[in-house]
Amino acid sequence: MGTTAIGASATLTDIPASLSGMIEFDIHLGTGTLGQPIFSVSTPFNGPGTYPMPNGFVPEAAGTYYLEVMTVNTSDSSSYQVPPFVNPELSTTISG
């Protein structure tokens, strides 16, 4: 396939301005987070704001792909799953 890229951004709100760390974008094959992601990329964050996924994912096969976004390795040892927690809009179906 190679012509459709999946991209995303994460908007962090209601977090301390001093909180920093990494945002992880994980793409899974299917409609949820079962198994290991087939693509994972992280980007740093520093306080509230909107942070884009640094690289788009180009699927090599038709299918349904699910995006999970979370903060990891934060300055206060906390982690957050970035809303929406369960949302059909996070699934993208690529047809061949």
N, C-alpha and C. Protein backbone atom coordinates (compact mmCIF):
# COMPACT_ATOMS: atom_id res chain seq x y z
N MET A 1 0.86 -1.18 0.00
CA MET A 1 0.00 0.00 0.00
C MET A 1 0.90 1.24 0.00
N GLY A 2 1.34 1.68 1.15
CA GLY A 2 2.32 2.74 1.23
C GLY A 2 1.86 4.13 0.84
N THR A 3 0.57 4.39 0.68
CA THR A 3 0.13 5.72 0.28
C THR A 3 -0.68 6.43 1.35
N THR A 4 -1.08 5.75 2.39
CA THR A 4 -1.86 6.35 3.46
C THR A 4 -1.03 6.34 4.74
N ALA A 5 -0.88 7.50 5.37
CA ALA A 5 -0.14 7.59 6.63
C ALA A 5 -1.11 7.88 7.76
N ILE A 6 -0.91 7.21 8.89
CA ILE A 6 -1.69 7.47 10.09
C ILE A 6 -0.87 8.41 10.97
N GLY A 7 -1.45 9.53 11.33
CA GLY A 7 -0.80 10.50 12.20
C GLY A 7 -1.74 10.92 13.30
N ALA A 8 -1.21 11.57 14.32
CA ALA A 8 -2.04 11.99 15.45
C ALA A 8 -1.33 13.10 16.21
N SER A 9 -2.07 13.72 17.10
CA SER A 9 -1.47 14.64 18.07
C SER A 9 -2.18 14.43 19.39
N ALA A 10 -1.50 14.75 20.47
CA ALA A 10 -2.06 14.62 21.81
C ALA A 10 -2.15 15.99 22.44
N THR A 11 -3.31 16.32 23.02
CA THR A 11 -3.48 17.58 23.74
C THR A 11 -3.55 17.28 25.21
N LEU A 12 -2.60 17.81 25.97
CA LEU A 12 -2.55 17.61 27.42
C LEU A 12 -3.12 18.85 28.10
N THR A 13 -4.14 18.65 28.93
CA THR A 13 -4.75 19.73 29.69
C THR A 13 -4.85 19.27 31.14
N ASP A 14 -5.09 20.20 32.03
CA ASP A 14 -5.29 19.90 33.47
C ASP A 14 -4.13 19.12 34.05
N ILE A 15 -2.90 19.42 33.61
CA ILE A 15 -1.70 18.84 34.22
C ILE A 15 -0.85 20.00 34.72
N PRO A 16 0.00 19.77 35.71
CA PRO A 16 0.87 20.85 36.20
C PRO A 16 1.78 21.38 35.09
N ALA A 17 2.00 22.69 35.09
CA ALA A 17 2.88 23.30 34.09
C ALA A 17 4.30 22.77 34.20
N SER A 18 4.68 22.29 35.38
CA SER A 18 6.03 21.79 35.59
C SER A 18 6.21 20.33 35.17
N LEU A 19 5.11 19.66 34.83
CA LEU A 19 5.20 18.24 34.47
C LEU A 19 5.84 18.09 33.09
N SER A 20 6.81 17.21 32.99
CA SER A 20 7.46 16.94 31.72
C SER A 20 7.66 15.44 31.59
N GLY A 21 7.96 15.00 30.39
CA GLY A 21 8.18 13.58 30.16
C GLY A 21 8.05 13.25 28.69
N MET A 22 7.55 12.06 28.42
CA MET A 22 7.39 11.58 27.05
C MET A 22 5.94 11.19 26.80
N ILE A 23 5.47 11.45 25.59
CA ILE A 23 4.17 10.97 25.12
C ILE A 23 4.46 9.83 24.16
N GLU A 24 3.82 8.69 24.39
CA GLU A 24 4.01 7.53 23.53
C GLU A 24 2.77 7.30 22.67
N PHE A 25 2.98 7.16 21.39
CA PHE A 25 1.92 6.86 20.43
C PHE A 25 2.12 5.42 19.98
N ASP A 26 1.18 4.54 20.29
CA ASP A 26 1.26 3.13 19.91
C ASP A 26 0.14 2.79 18.94
N ILE A 27 0.48 2.18 17.81
CA ILE A 27 -0.53 1.74 16.85
C ILE A 27 -0.60 0.23 16.89
N HIS A 28 -1.82 -0.27 17.08
CA HIS A 28 -2.08 -1.71 17.16
C HIS A 28 -2.90 -2.12 15.94
N LEU A 29 -2.68 -3.33 15.48
CA LEU A 29 -3.51 -3.90 14.42
C LEU A 29 -4.78 -4.42 15.07
N GLY A 30 -5.94 -3.98 14.61
CA GLY A 30 -7.21 -4.39 15.20
C GLY A 30 -7.94 -3.21 15.78
N THR A 31 -8.90 -3.47 16.68
CA THR A 31 -9.76 -2.42 17.23
C THR A 31 -9.48 -2.13 18.69
N GLY A 32 -8.36 -2.58 19.21
CA GLY A 32 -8.02 -2.33 20.61
C GLY A 32 -6.54 -2.55 20.84
N THR A 33 -6.19 -2.68 22.10
CA THR A 33 -4.77 -2.72 22.48
C THR A 33 -4.28 -4.13 22.78
N LEU A 34 -4.89 -5.16 22.21
CA LEU A 34 -4.42 -6.52 22.44
C LEU A 34 -3.06 -6.72 21.77
N GLY A 35 -2.15 -7.34 22.49
CA GLY A 35 -0.83 -7.64 21.93
C GLY A 35 0.08 -6.43 21.88
N GLN A 36 1.25 -6.67 21.34
CA GLN A 36 2.24 -5.61 21.21
C GLN A 36 1.87 -4.67 20.06
N PRO A 37 2.19 -3.38 20.20
CA PRO A 37 1.93 -2.47 19.09
C PRO A 37 2.79 -2.83 17.88
N ILE A 38 2.27 -2.55 16.70
CA ILE A 38 3.06 -2.78 15.50
C ILE A 38 3.90 -1.56 15.14
N PHE A 39 3.62 -0.43 15.81
CA PHE A 39 4.38 0.80 15.61
C PHE A 39 4.33 1.59 16.90
N SER A 40 5.45 2.12 17.32
CA SER A 40 5.50 2.92 18.54
C SER A 40 6.53 4.04 18.35
N VAL A 41 6.13 5.24 18.73
CA VAL A 41 7.03 6.38 18.64
C VAL A 41 6.71 7.32 19.80
N SER A 42 7.73 7.99 20.32
CA SER A 42 7.55 8.89 21.46
C SER A 42 8.05 10.29 21.10
N THR A 43 7.51 11.27 21.82
CA THR A 43 7.95 12.65 21.68
C THR A 43 7.95 13.29 23.07
N PRO A 44 8.87 14.20 23.35
CA PRO A 44 8.89 14.84 24.67
C PRO A 44 7.77 15.86 24.82
N PHE A 45 7.35 16.08 26.08
CA PHE A 45 6.40 17.15 26.37
C PHE A 45 6.88 17.90 27.60
N ASN A 46 6.42 19.13 27.73
CA ASN A 46 6.75 19.96 28.88
C ASN A 46 5.52 20.81 29.20
N GLY A 47 4.70 20.31 30.14
CA GLY A 47 3.50 21.03 30.54
C GLY A 47 2.35 20.86 29.56
N PRO A 48 1.25 21.57 29.82
CA PRO A 48 0.08 21.48 28.94
C PRO A 48 0.41 21.94 27.52
N GLY A 49 -0.32 21.40 26.57
CA GLY A 49 -0.13 21.80 25.18
C GLY A 49 -0.53 20.69 24.23
N THR A 50 -0.38 20.95 22.95
CA THR A 50 -0.66 19.96 21.92
C THR A 50 0.66 19.51 21.31
N TYR A 51 0.84 18.20 21.28
CA TYR A 51 2.10 17.61 20.83
C TYR A 51 1.83 16.62 19.70
N PRO A 52 2.38 16.87 18.51
CA PRO A 52 2.13 15.97 17.38
C PRO A 52 2.99 14.70 17.45
N MET A 53 2.47 13.64 16.88
CA MET A 53 3.23 12.41 16.71
C MET A 53 4.36 12.73 15.74
N PRO A 54 5.62 12.45 16.10
CA PRO A 54 6.74 12.90 15.27
C PRO A 54 6.83 12.24 13.89
N ASN A 55 6.38 11.02 13.75
CA ASN A 55 6.44 10.33 12.46
C ASN A 55 5.10 9.67 12.19
N GLY A 56 4.63 9.77 10.97
CA GLY A 56 3.42 9.06 10.61
C GLY A 56 3.72 7.58 10.38
N PHE A 57 2.70 6.76 10.53
CA PHE A 57 2.83 5.33 10.29
C PHE A 57 2.18 5.01 8.96
N VAL A 58 2.92 4.34 8.08
CA VAL A 58 2.39 3.95 6.78
C VAL A 58 2.12 2.45 6.81
N PRO A 59 0.83 2.05 6.82
CA PRO A 59 0.50 0.62 6.85
C PRO A 59 0.98 -0.08 5.58
N GLU A 60 1.43 -1.31 5.76
CA GLU A 60 1.87 -2.11 4.62
C GLU A 60 0.78 -3.05 4.14
N ALA A 61 -0.33 -3.14 4.88
CA ALA A 61 -1.42 -4.05 4.51
C ALA A 61 -2.75 -3.41 4.89
N ALA A 62 -3.79 -3.81 4.17
CA ALA A 62 -5.14 -3.35 4.51
C ALA A 62 -5.50 -3.89 5.89
N GLY A 63 -6.31 -3.17 6.62
CA GLY A 63 -6.74 -3.63 7.94
C GLY A 63 -7.25 -2.49 8.78
N THR A 64 -7.59 -2.78 10.02
CA THR A 64 -8.04 -1.79 10.99
C THR A 64 -6.91 -1.56 11.98
N TYR A 65 -6.60 -0.30 12.24
CA TYR A 65 -5.50 0.08 13.12
C TYR A 65 -6.04 0.93 14.26
N TYR A 66 -5.55 0.67 15.47
CA TYR A 66 -6.02 1.36 16.67
C TYR A 66 -4.87 2.16 17.29
N LEU A 67 -5.12 3.40 17.63
CA LEU A 67 -4.11 4.27 18.22
C LEU A 67 -4.32 4.40 19.72
N GLU A 68 -3.27 4.15 20.49
CA GLU A 68 -3.28 4.36 21.94
C GLU A 68 -2.23 5.43 22.24
N VAL A 69 -2.60 6.42 23.06
CA VAL A 69 -1.67 7.50 23.41
C VAL A 69 -1.60 7.61 24.92
N MET A 70 -0.38 7.69 25.45
CA MET A 70 -0.21 7.82 26.90
C MET A 70 1.07 8.58 27.21
N THR A 71 1.12 9.14 28.41
CA THR A 71 2.37 9.74 28.86
C THR A 71 3.16 8.68 29.62
N VAL A 72 4.47 8.72 29.46
CA VAL A 72 5.36 7.78 30.15
C VAL A 72 6.59 8.53 30.63
N ASN A 73 7.25 7.96 31.63
CA ASN A 73 8.50 8.54 32.13
C ASN A 73 8.36 10.03 32.46
N THR A 74 7.37 10.38 33.29
CA THR A 74 7.14 11.78 33.62
C THR A 74 8.01 12.20 34.80
N SER A 75 8.16 13.51 34.95
CA SER A 75 9.03 14.06 35.98
C SER A 75 8.56 13.75 37.39
N ASP A 76 7.27 13.42 37.57
CA ASP A 76 6.79 13.08 38.91
C ASP A 76 6.44 11.59 39.04
N SER A 77 6.95 10.76 38.13
CA SER A 77 6.75 9.30 38.13
C SER A 77 5.30 8.88 37.94
N SER A 78 4.47 9.76 37.38
CA SER A 78 3.07 9.42 37.11
C SER A 78 2.94 9.04 35.63
N SER A 79 1.81 8.47 35.29
CA SER A 79 1.51 8.23 33.88
C SER A 79 0.04 8.50 33.65
N TYR A 80 -0.29 8.90 32.45
CA TYR A 80 -1.65 9.25 32.10
C TYR A 80 -1.96 8.64 30.74
N GLN A 81 -3.18 8.10 30.61
CA GLN A 81 -3.65 7.74 29.28
C GLN A 81 -4.34 8.98 28.75
N VAL A 82 -4.01 9.38 27.55
CA VAL A 82 -4.54 10.61 26.99
C VAL A 82 -5.95 10.36 26.47
N PRO A 83 -6.97 11.12 26.96
CA PRO A 83 -8.34 10.93 26.49
C PRO A 83 -8.43 11.18 24.99
N PRO A 84 -9.42 10.66 24.28
CA PRO A 84 -10.47 9.80 24.80
C PRO A 84 -9.97 8.40 25.07
N PHE A 85 -10.43 7.80 26.16
CA PHE A 85 -9.94 6.50 26.57
C PHE A 85 -10.45 5.39 25.66
N VAL A 86 -11.72 5.42 25.30
CA VAL A 86 -12.28 4.45 24.36
C VAL A 86 -13.13 5.24 23.38
N ASN A 87 -12.75 5.21 22.12
CA ASN A 87 -13.45 6.01 21.14
C ASN A 87 -13.26 5.37 19.77
N PRO A 88 -14.37 5.04 19.08
CA PRO A 88 -14.24 4.42 17.76
C PRO A 88 -13.44 5.26 16.77
N GLU A 89 -13.35 6.58 17.00
CA GLU A 89 -12.59 7.44 16.09
C GLU A 89 -11.10 7.13 16.16
N LEU A 90 -10.65 6.41 17.18
CA LEU A 90 -9.25 6.05 17.25
C LEU A 90 -8.90 4.91 16.31
N SER A 91 -9.91 4.25 15.76
CA SER A 91 -9.69 3.16 14.81
C SER A 91 -9.77 3.70 13.39
N THR A 92 -8.82 3.29 12.57
CA THR A 92 -8.79 3.68 11.17
C THR A 92 -8.75 2.43 10.33
N THR A 93 -9.64 2.30 9.37
CA THR A 93 -9.65 1.15 8.48
C THR A 93 -9.04 1.54 7.15
N ILE A 94 -8.00 0.81 6.77
CA ILE A 94 -7.32 1.03 5.48
C ILE A 94 -7.72 -0.11 4.57
N SER A 95 -8.29 0.21 3.41
CA SER A 95 -8.70 -0.85 2.49
C SER A 95 -7.72 -0.92 1.32
N GLY A 96 -7.64 -2.12 0.76
CA GLY A 96 -6.67 -2.35 -0.31
C GLY A 96 -7.26 -2.28 -1.67
